[in-house]
């Protein structure tokens, strides 16, 4: 007697539309160094995080202060 495997339920896949953002190689390499040991899987993931944070920030605050508050930089 063969048991049927239960059907796997997959979360609906959301197709995201992306564009390419060019940055100077030195900036990219600095970002690679900065994310080591932080949990970010890639410079792209880090850049997306920073852009979202910058767009949500209140006037008068800067990105470095926000990253410091979150524990990403000293």
PDB file of N, CA and C in Angstrom:
ATOM      1  N   UNK A   1       0.837  -1.164   0.000  1.00  0.00           N
ATOM      2  CA  UNK A   1       0.000   0.000   0.000  1.00  0.00           C
ATOM      3  C   UNK A   1       0.896   1.246   0.000  1.00  0.00           C
ATOM      4  N   UNK A   2       0.699   2.089  -0.943  1.00  0.00           N
ATOM      5  CA  UNK A   2       1.492   3.304  -1.074  1.00  0.00           C
ATOM      6  C   UNK A   2       0.728   4.481  -0.506  1.00  0.00           C
ATOM      7  N   UNK A   3       1.413   5.220   0.329  1.00  0.00           N
ATOM      8  CA  UNK A   3       0.796   6.406   0.917  1.00  0.00           C
ATOM      9  C   UNK A   3       0.977   7.600   0.004  1.00  0.00           C
ATOM     10  N   UNK A   4      -0.061   8.340  -0.171  1.00  0.00           N
ATOM     11  CA  UNK A   4       0.037   9.555  -0.966  1.00  0.00           C
ATOM     12  C   UNK A   4       0.658  10.653  -0.117  1.00  0.00           C
ATOM     13  N   UNK A   5       1.548  11.375  -0.727  1.00  0.00           N
ATOM     14  CA  UNK A   5       2.138  12.523  -0.049  1.00  0.00           C
ATOM     15  C   UNK A   5       1.116  13.651  -0.019  1.00  0.00           C
ATOM     16  N   UNK A   6       1.001  14.341   1.111  1.00  0.00           N
ATOM     17  CA  UNK A   6       0.070  15.472   1.149  1.00  0.00           C
ATOM     18  C   UNK A   6       0.547  16.552   0.181  1.00  0.00           C
ATOM     19  N   UNK A   7      -0.415  17.238  -0.402  1.00  0.00           N
ATOM     20  CA  UNK A   7      -0.066  18.315  -1.315  1.00  0.00           C
ATOM     21  C   UNK A   7       0.611  19.421  -0.529  1.00  0.00           C
ATOM     22  N   UNK A   8       1.712  19.894  -1.077  1.00  0.00           N
ATOM     23  CA  UNK A   8       2.411  20.991  -0.421  1.00  0.00           C
ATOM     24  C   UNK A   8       1.733  22.294  -0.775  1.00  0.00           C
ATOM     25  N   UNK A   9       1.580  23.085   0.231  1.00  0.00           N
ATOM     26  CA  UNK A   9       0.984  24.400   0.003  1.00  0.00           C
ATOM     27  C   UNK A   9       2.110  25.412  -0.063  1.00  0.00           C
ATOM     28  N   UNK A  10       2.144  26.105  -1.144  1.00  0.00           N
ATOM     29  CA  UNK A  10       3.168  27.124  -1.329  1.00  0.00           C
ATOM     30  C   UNK A  10       2.535  28.497  -1.170  1.00  0.00           C
ATOM     31  N   UNK A  11       3.295  29.368  -0.578  1.00  0.00           N
ATOM     32  CA  UNK A  11       2.829  30.755  -0.475  1.00  0.00           C
ATOM     33  C   UNK A  11       2.737  31.315  -1.887  1.00  0.00           C
ATOM     34  N   UNK A  12       1.741  32.131  -2.126  1.00  0.00           N
ATOM     35  CA  UNK A  12       1.640  32.717  -3.458  1.00  0.00           C
ATOM     36  C   UNK A  12       2.899  33.514  -3.766  1.00  0.00           C
ATOM     37  N   UNK A  13       3.406  33.324  -4.957  1.00  0.00           N
ATOM     38  CA  UNK A  13       4.626  34.022  -5.334  1.00  0.00           C
ATOM     39  C   UNK A  13       4.285  35.385  -5.903  1.00  0.00           C
ATOM     40  N   UNK A  14       4.951  36.375  -5.347  1.00  0.00           N
ATOM     41  CA  UNK A  14       4.752  37.732  -5.809  1.00  0.00           C
ATOM     42  C   UNK A  14       5.907  38.063  -6.733  1.00  0.00           C
ATOM     43  N   UNK A  15       5.580  38.383  -7.949  1.00  0.00           N
ATOM     44  CA  UNK A  15       6.627  38.744  -8.897  1.00  0.00           C
ATOM     45  C   UNK A  15       6.942  40.222  -8.711  1.00  0.00           C
ATOM     46  N   UNK A  16       8.196  40.498  -8.442  1.00  0.00           N
ATOM     47  CA  UNK A  16       8.618  41.875  -8.242  1.00  0.00           C
ATOM     48  C   UNK A  16       9.338  42.360  -9.490  1.00  0.00           C
ATOM     49  N   UNK A  17       9.170  43.598  -9.745  1.00  0.00           N
ATOM     50  CA  UNK A  17       9.808  44.217 -10.890  1.00  0.00           C
ATOM     51  C   UNK A  17      11.020  44.989 -10.383  1.00  0.00           C
ATOM     52  N   UNK A  18      12.185  44.722 -10.907  1.00  0.00           N
ATOM     53  CA  UNK A  18      13.416  45.357 -10.463  1.00  0.00           C
ATOM     54  C   UNK A  18      14.060  46.153 -11.588  1.00  0.00           C
ATOM     55  N   UNK A  19      14.881  47.106 -11.204  1.00  0.00           N
ATOM     56  CA  UNK A  19      15.707  47.860 -12.145  1.00  0.00           C
ATOM     57  C   UNK A  19      17.144  47.776 -11.655  1.00  0.00           C
ATOM     58  N   UNK A  20      18.064  48.094 -12.523  1.00  0.00           N
ATOM     59  CA  UNK A  20      19.472  48.090 -12.158  1.00  0.00           C
ATOM     60  C   UNK A  20      19.884  49.484 -11.724  1.00  0.00           C
ATOM     61  N   UNK A  21      20.582  49.557 -10.611  1.00  0.00           N
ATOM     62  CA  UNK A  21      21.087  50.815 -10.083  1.00  0.00           C
ATOM     63  C   UNK A  21      22.605  50.727 -10.121  1.00  0.00           C
ATOM     64  N   UNK A  22      23.234  51.620 -10.832  1.00  0.00           N
ATOM     65  CA  UNK A  22      24.694  51.608 -10.932  1.00  0.00           C
ATOM     66  C   UNK A  22      25.300  52.494  -9.855  1.00  0.00           C
ATOM     67  N   UNK A  23      26.313  51.958  -9.191  1.00  0.00           N
ATOM     68  CA  UNK A  23      27.043  52.716  -8.178  1.00  0.00           C
ATOM     69  C   UNK A  23      28.532  52.552  -8.464  1.00  0.00           C
ATOM     70  N   UNK A  24      29.343  53.486  -8.007  1.00  0.00           N
ATOM     71  CA  UNK A  24      30.786  53.329  -8.199  1.00  0.00           C
ATOM     72  C   UNK A  24      31.275  52.039  -7.532  1.00  0.00           C
ATOM     73  N   UNK A  25      32.214  51.357  -8.183  1.00  0.00           N
ATOM     74  CA  UNK A  25      32.727  50.082  -7.672  1.00  0.00           C
ATOM     75  C   UNK A  25      33.267  50.229  -6.248  1.00  0.00           C
ATOM     76  N   UNK A  26      33.963  51.316  -5.965  1.00  0.00           N
ATOM     77  CA  UNK A  26      34.522  51.521  -4.628  1.00  0.00           C
ATOM     78  C   UNK A  26      33.414  51.559  -3.572  1.00  0.00           C
ATOM     79  N   UNK A  27      32.299  52.215  -3.873  1.00  0.00           N
ATOM     80  CA  UNK A  27      31.170  52.268  -2.950  1.00  0.00           C
ATOM     81  C   UNK A  27      30.589  50.870  -2.743  1.00  0.00           C
ATOM     82  N   UNK A  28      30.458  50.115  -3.823  1.00  0.00           N
ATOM     83  CA  UNK A  28      29.950  48.750  -3.739  1.00  0.00           C
ATOM     84  C   UNK A  28      30.863  47.894  -2.851  1.00  0.00           C
ATOM     85  N   UNK A  29      32.162  48.009  -3.068  1.00  0.00           N
ATOM     86  CA  UNK A  29      33.114  47.213  -2.278  1.00  0.00           C
ATOM     87  C   UNK A  29      33.084  47.615  -0.807  1.00  0.00           C
ATOM     88  N   UNK A  30      32.936  48.926  -0.535  1.00  0.00           N
ATOM     89  CA  UNK A  30      32.813  49.377   0.856  1.00  0.00           C
ATOM     90  C   UNK A  30      31.547  48.813   1.498  1.00  0.00           C
ATOM     91  N   UNK A  31      30.468  48.766   0.738  1.00  0.00           N
ATOM     92  CA  UNK A  31      29.215  48.202   1.247  1.00  0.00           C
ATOM     93  C   UNK A  31      29.377  46.712   1.527  1.00  0.00           C
ATOM     94  N   UNK A  32      30.085  45.997   0.646  1.00  0.00           N
ATOM     95  CA  UNK A  32      30.340  44.564   0.879  1.00  0.00           C
ATOM     96  C   UNK A  32      31.052  44.355   2.210  1.00  0.00           C
ATOM     97  N   UNK A  33      32.041  45.189   2.464  1.00  0.00           N
ATOM     98  CA  UNK A  33      32.784  45.096   3.723  1.00  0.00           C
ATOM     99  C   UNK A  33      31.884  45.444   4.904  1.00  0.00           C
ATOM    100  N   UNK A  34      31.066  46.461   4.735  1.00  0.00           N
ATOM    101  CA  UNK A  34      30.201  46.927   5.823  1.00  0.00           C
ATOM    102  C   UNK A  34      29.160  45.898   6.242  1.00  0.00           C
ATOM    103  N   UNK A  35      28.693  45.058   5.324  1.00  0.00           N
ATOM    104  CA  UNK A  35      27.609  44.129   5.665  1.00  0.00           C
ATOM    105  C   UNK A  35      28.087  42.799   6.224  1.00  0.00           C
ATOM    106  N   UNK A  36      29.392  42.561   6.216  1.00  0.00           N
ATOM    107  CA  UNK A  36      29.899  41.291   6.745  1.00  0.00           C
ATOM    108  C   UNK A  36      29.490  41.144   8.202  1.00  0.00           C
ATOM    109  N   UNK A  37      28.847  40.028   8.507  1.00  0.00           N
ATOM    110  CA  UNK A  37      28.435  39.740   9.872  1.00  0.00           C
ATOM    111  C   UNK A  37      27.179  40.463  10.327  1.00  0.00           C
ATOM    112  N   UNK A  38      26.472  41.117   9.408  1.00  0.00           N
ATOM    113  CA  UNK A  38      25.284  41.882   9.807  1.00  0.00           C
ATOM    114  C   UNK A  38      23.979  41.139   9.585  1.00  0.00           C
ATOM    115  N   UNK A  39      24.007  40.107   8.763  1.00  0.00           N
ATOM    116  CA  UNK A  39      22.760  39.419   8.438  1.00  0.00           C
ATOM    117  C   UNK A  39      22.228  39.788   7.067  1.00  0.00           C
ATOM    118  N   UNK A  40      22.746  40.872   6.493  1.00  0.00           N
ATOM    119  CA  UNK A  40      22.354  41.184   5.120  1.00  0.00           C
ATOM    120  C   UNK A  40      23.016  40.159   4.212  1.00  0.00           C
ATOM    121  N   UNK A  41      22.255  39.620   3.284  1.00  0.00           N
ATOM    122  CA  UNK A  41      22.769  38.576   2.397  1.00  0.00           C
ATOM    123  C   UNK A  41      23.489  39.126   1.184  1.00  0.00           C
ATOM    124  N   UNK A  42      23.260  40.385   0.868  1.00  0.00           N
ATOM    125  CA  UNK A  42      23.883  40.963  -0.321  1.00  0.00           C
ATOM    126  C   UNK A  42      23.899  42.484  -0.213  1.00  0.00           C
ATOM    127  N   UNK A  43      24.721  43.087  -1.060  1.00  0.00           N
ATOM    128  CA  UNK A  43      24.754  44.543  -1.120  1.00  0.00           C
ATOM    129  C   UNK A  43      23.401  45.061  -1.607  1.00  0.00           C
ATOM    130  N   UNK A  44      22.765  44.334  -2.509  1.00  0.00           N
ATOM    131  CA  UNK A  44      21.452  44.738  -3.004  1.00  0.00           C
ATOM    132  C   UNK A  44      20.448  44.801  -1.859  1.00  0.00           C
ATOM    133  N   UNK A  45      20.426  43.766  -1.024  1.00  0.00           N
ATOM    134  CA  UNK A  45      19.506  43.747   0.116  1.00  0.00           C
ATOM    135  C   UNK A  45      19.784  44.920   1.051  1.00  0.00           C
ATOM    136  N   UNK A  46      21.049  45.205   1.283  1.00  0.00           N
ATOM    137  CA  UNK A  46      21.459  46.318   2.136  1.00  0.00           C
ATOM    138  C   UNK A  46      21.031  47.650   1.523  1.00  0.00           C
ATOM    139  N   UNK A  47      21.253  47.816   0.228  1.00  0.00           N
ATOM    140  CA  UNK A  47      20.877  49.058  -0.450  1.00  0.00           C
ATOM    141  C   UNK A  47      19.365  49.277  -0.395  1.00  0.00           C
ATOM    142  N   UNK A  48      18.593  48.225  -0.604  1.00  0.00           N
ATOM    143  CA  UNK A  48      17.131  48.334  -0.531  1.00  0.00           C
ATOM    144  C   UNK A  48      16.719  48.771   0.873  1.00  0.00           C
ATOM    145  N   UNK A  49      17.330  48.169   1.885  1.00  0.00           N
ATOM    146  CA  UNK A  49      17.046  48.548   3.266  1.00  0.00           C
ATOM    147  C   UNK A  49      17.342  50.025   3.504  1.00  0.00           C
ATOM    148  N   UNK A  50      18.529  50.478   3.063  1.00  0.00           N
ATOM    149  CA  UNK A  50      18.919  51.872   3.280  1.00  0.00           C
ATOM    150  C   UNK A  50      17.995  52.849   2.565  1.00  0.00           C
ATOM    151  N   UNK A  51      17.618  52.518   1.344  1.00  0.00           N
ATOM    152  CA  UNK A  51      16.723  53.399   0.597  1.00  0.00           C
ATOM    153  C   UNK A  51      15.361  53.479   1.281  1.00  0.00           C
ATOM    154  N   UNK A  52      14.829  52.346   1.693  1.00  0.00           N
ATOM    155  CA  UNK A  52      13.535  52.353   2.400  1.00  0.00           C
ATOM    156  C   UNK A  52      13.620  53.165   3.683  1.00  0.00           C
ATOM    157  N   UNK A  53      14.699  52.970   4.441  1.00  0.00           N
ATOM    158  CA  UNK A  53      14.877  53.713   5.686  1.00  0.00           C
ATOM    159  C   UNK A  53      14.977  55.210   5.412  1.00  0.00           C
ATOM    160  N   UNK A  54      15.733  55.587   4.395  1.00  0.00           N
ATOM    161  CA  UNK A  54      15.902  56.998   4.064  1.00  0.00           C
ATOM    162  C   UNK A  54      14.570  57.630   3.675  1.00  0.00           C
ATOM    163  N   UNK A  55      13.735  56.890   2.980  1.00  0.00           N
ATOM    164  CA  UNK A  55      12.442  57.422   2.562  1.00  0.00           C
ATOM    165  C   UNK A  55      11.474  57.565   3.734  1.00  0.00           C
ATOM    166  N   UNK A  56      11.689  56.781   4.781  1.00  0.00           N
ATOM    167  CA  UNK A  56      10.808  56.831   5.955  1.00  0.00           C
ATOM    168  C   UNK A  56      11.290  57.792   7.038  1.00  0.00           C
ATOM    169  N   UNK A  57      12.521  58.277   6.899  1.00  0.00           N
ATOM    170  CA  UNK A  57      13.095  59.110   7.956  1.00  0.00           C
ATOM    171  C   UNK A  57      12.428  60.465   8.064  1.00  0.00           C
ATOM    172  N   UNK A  58      12.405  60.929   9.282  1.00  0.00           N
ATOM    173  CA  UNK A  58      11.844  62.255   9.559  1.00  0.00           C
ATOM    174  C   UNK A  58      12.879  63.316   9.197  1.00  0.00           C
ATOM    175  N   UNK A  59      12.419  64.463   8.755  1.00  0.00           N
ATOM    176  CA  UNK A  59      13.363  65.544   8.462  1.00  0.00           C
ATOM    177  C   UNK A  59      14.211  65.861   9.687  1.00  0.00           C
ATOM    178  N   UNK A  60      15.499  66.136   9.458  1.00  0.00           N
ATOM    179  CA  UNK A  60      16.398  66.459  10.558  1.00  0.00           C
ATOM    180  C   UNK A  60      17.191  65.270  11.060  1.00  0.00           C
ATOM    181  N   UNK A  61      16.768  64.072  10.740  1.00  0.00           N
ATOM    182  CA  UNK A  61      17.507  62.867  11.137  1.00  0.00           C
ATOM    183  C   UNK A  61      18.396  62.465   9.968  1.00  0.00           C
ATOM    184  N   UNK A  62      19.474  61.754  10.261  1.00  0.00           N
ATOM    185  CA  UNK A  62      20.280  61.250   9.154  1.00  0.00           C
ATOM    186  C   UNK A  62      20.380  59.740   9.212  1.00  0.00           C
ATOM    187  N   UNK A  63      20.774  59.156   8.117  1.00  0.00           N
ATOM    188  CA  UNK A  63      20.810  57.695   7.981  1.00  0.00           C
ATOM    189  C   UNK A  63      21.751  57.079   9.013  1.00  0.00           C
ATOM    190  N   UNK A  64      22.905  57.710   9.219  1.00  0.00           N
ATOM    191  CA  UNK A  64      23.865  57.145  10.158  1.00  0.00           C
ATOM    192  C   UNK A  64      23.283  57.053  11.573  1.00  0.00           C
ATOM    193  N   UNK A  65      22.550  58.074  12.000  1.00  0.00           N
ATOM    194  CA  UNK A  65      21.914  58.032  13.324  1.00  0.00           C
ATOM    195  C   UNK A  65      20.914  56.894  13.407  1.00  0.00           C
ATOM    196  N   UNK A  66      20.153  56.707  12.354  1.00  0.00           N
ATOM    197  CA  UNK A  66      19.147  55.626  12.326  1.00  0.00           C
ATOM    198  C   UNK A  66      19.823  54.256  12.368  1.00  0.00           C
ATOM    199  N   UNK A  67      20.890  54.074  11.574  1.00  0.00           N
ATOM    200  CA  UNK A  67      21.616  52.806  11.576  1.00  0.00           C
ATOM    201  C   UNK A  67      22.256  52.550  12.938  1.00  0.00           C
ATOM    202  N   UNK A  68      22.757  53.590  13.566  1.00  0.00           N
ATOM    203  CA  UNK A  68      23.354  53.460  14.899  1.00  0.00           C
ATOM    204  C   UNK A  68      22.279  53.015  15.895  1.00  0.00           C
ATOM    205  N   UNK A  69      21.113  53.619  15.821  1.00  0.00           N
ATOM    206  CA  UNK A  69      20.010  53.276  16.725  1.00  0.00           C
ATOM    207  C   UNK A  69      19.581  51.825  16.536  1.00  0.00           C
ATOM    208  N   UNK A  70      19.698  51.320  15.318  1.00  0.00           N
ATOM    209  CA  UNK A  70      19.324  49.936  15.035  1.00  0.00           C
ATOM    210  C   UNK A  70      20.450  48.957  15.309  1.00  0.00           C
ATOM    211  N   UNK A  71      21.639  49.484  15.644  1.00  0.00           N
ATOM    212  CA  UNK A  71      22.768  48.619  15.972  1.00  0.00           C
ATOM    213  C   UNK A  71      23.584  48.163  14.781  1.00  0.00           C
ATOM    214  N   UNK A  72      23.410  48.785  13.624  1.00  0.00           N
ATOM    215  CA  UNK A  72      24.143  48.362  12.427  1.00  0.00           C
ATOM    216  C   UNK A  72      25.516  49.001  12.335  1.00  0.00           C
ATOM    217  N   UNK A  73      25.702  50.175  12.909  1.00  0.00           N
ATOM    218  CA  UNK A  73      27.000  50.845  12.912  1.00  0.00           C
ATOM    219  C   UNK A  73      27.274  51.374  14.312  1.00  0.00           C
ATOM    220  N   UNK A  74      28.552  51.602  14.587  1.00  0.00           N
ATOM    221  CA  UNK A  74      28.937  52.131  15.910  1.00  0.00           C
ATOM    222  C   UNK A  74      29.039  53.628  15.847  1.00  0.00           C
TER     223      UNK A  74
END
